[in-house]
Amino acid sequence: MTQEQVATRGGPSTATLRLIEGASLTTPRPKSLRQLETALYWGPGSALAIYRGGEPVILDSDPLGDLTPEEIRMASVFIQVLRNERARGERHSA
C-alpha cells in the first residue's frame, strides 16, 4: 500500500507518513495514530499498542472492500517502524 493510498483511506497525510516511515517522528500525535488505524483497518488503540511494543488488532474485514489481504499484511511495515521509533525515543531519554 502506498502512502497516497493510506492517506486516501483516511490515514495521516503523506508528509506525516514519510516522517513515520523515516523514523523521524519522535512522538506520533494521537490524531495521527487514530488515522493510521482507520486506514489500515486496525482496531481502536492498536497504533498506540504497537508504539508501546504490543500488537495491533486487525479487524476481520475491510468495510470499504478495497484492500487485498496482501495490503493488509503490508501494515506490518508500520508496526516495525513504530516500534523502532519507540525504541529510539527510549534510548534518547536514557
Protein backbone atom coordinates (compact mmCIF):
# COMPACT_ATOMS: atom_id res chain seq x y z
CA MET A 1 0.00 0.00 0.00
CA THR A 2 1.42 3.38 -0.93
CA GLN A 3 1.49 6.46 1.26
CA GLU A 4 -1.11 8.02 -1.02
CA GLN A 5 -3.42 5.02 -0.57
CA VAL A 6 -3.05 5.19 3.21
CA ALA A 7 -3.79 8.92 3.17
CA THR A 8 -6.77 8.42 0.84
CA ARG A 9 -8.24 5.79 3.17
CA GLY A 10 -8.32 8.34 6.00
CA GLY A 11 -4.77 7.93 7.25
CA PRO A 12 -2.31 10.65 8.14
CA SER A 13 -1.03 12.96 5.41
CA THR A 14 1.73 11.70 3.14
CA ALA A 15 4.10 14.13 4.88
CA THR A 16 3.33 12.55 8.28
CA LEU A 17 3.64 9.06 6.80
CA ARG A 18 7.10 9.95 5.43
CA LEU A 19 8.13 11.06 8.93
CA ILE A 20 6.80 7.81 10.43
CA GLU A 21 8.49 5.63 7.82
CA GLY A 22 11.73 7.56 8.11
CA ALA A 23 11.67 7.19 11.91
CA SER A 24 11.83 10.98 12.18
CA LEU A 25 8.67 11.34 14.23
CA THR A 26 9.55 11.00 17.90
CA THR A 27 6.06 11.02 19.34
CA PRO A 28 3.16 10.47 16.96
CA ARG A 29 0.11 12.59 17.76
CA PRO A 30 -3.00 10.72 18.93
CA LYS A 31 -4.86 12.01 15.88
CA SER A 32 -2.22 10.53 13.55
CA LEU A 33 -2.37 7.20 15.35
CA ARG A 34 -6.18 7.10 15.04
CA GLN A 35 -5.96 7.99 11.36
CA LEU A 36 -3.43 5.21 10.81
CA GLU A 37 -5.77 2.74 12.50
CA THR A 38 -8.60 3.83 10.22
CA ALA A 39 -6.54 3.50 7.05
CA LEU A 40 -5.01 0.13 7.95
CA TYR A 41 -8.24 -1.19 9.43
CA TRP A 42 -6.82 -1.79 12.86
CA GLY A 43 -8.98 -1.75 15.96
CA PRO A 44 -9.05 1.32 18.25
CA GLY A 45 -5.90 1.69 20.31
CA SER A 46 -3.84 -0.60 18.05
CA ALA A 47 -1.35 2.02 16.86
CA LEU A 48 -0.63 3.12 20.44
CA ALA A 49 -0.29 -0.52 21.49
CA ILE A 50 2.27 -1.02 18.72
CA TYR A 51 4.13 2.11 19.77
CA ARG A 52 4.33 0.61 23.27
CA GLY A 53 5.58 -2.74 21.96
CA GLY A 54 2.29 -4.60 21.56
CA GLU A 55 0.38 -5.91 18.58
CA PRO A 56 -2.46 -4.40 16.54
CA VAL A 57 -5.96 -5.74 16.48
CA ILE A 58 -6.61 -6.37 12.80
CA LEU A 59 -10.31 -6.22 12.17
CA ASP A 60 -11.91 -9.13 10.34
CA SER A 61 -12.98 -7.35 7.20
CA ASP A 62 -12.35 -4.22 5.22
CA PRO A 63 -15.52 -2.13 5.23
CA LEU A 64 -14.53 -0.31 2.05
CA GLY A 65 -13.71 -3.58 0.31
CA ASP A 66 -10.71 -2.15 -1.49
CA LEU A 67 -7.84 -3.79 0.42
CA THR A 68 -6.36 -7.09 -0.58
CA PRO A 69 -5.11 -9.50 2.08
CA GLU A 70 -1.58 -8.62 0.93
CA GLU A 71 -2.17 -4.92 1.53
CA ILE A 72 -3.49 -5.65 4.99
CA ARG A 73 -0.35 -7.68 5.74
CA MET A 74 1.81 -4.82 4.48
CA ALA A 75 0.66 -2.86 7.50
CA SER A 76 3.33 -4.80 9.39
CA VAL A 77 5.84 -2.31 7.97
CA PHE A 78 4.17 0.39 10.04
CA ILE A 79 4.29 -1.87 13.09
CA GLN A 80 8.05 -2.21 12.83
CA VAL A 81 8.59 1.50 12.16
CA LEU A 82 6.51 2.49 15.19
CA ARG A 83 8.40 0.02 17.39
CA ASN A 84 11.75 1.27 16.13
CA GLU A 85 10.70 4.84 16.80
CA ARG A 86 9.65 3.97 20.32
CA ALA A 87 12.98 2.26 20.99
CA ARG A 88 14.83 5.23 19.56
CA GLY A 89 12.91 7.61 21.83
CA GLU A 90 13.72 5.47 24.88
CA ARG A 91 17.43 5.48 24.03
CA HIS A 92 17.44 9.27 23.73
CA SER A 93 15.68 9.78 27.06
CA ALA A 94 18.01 7.42 28.95
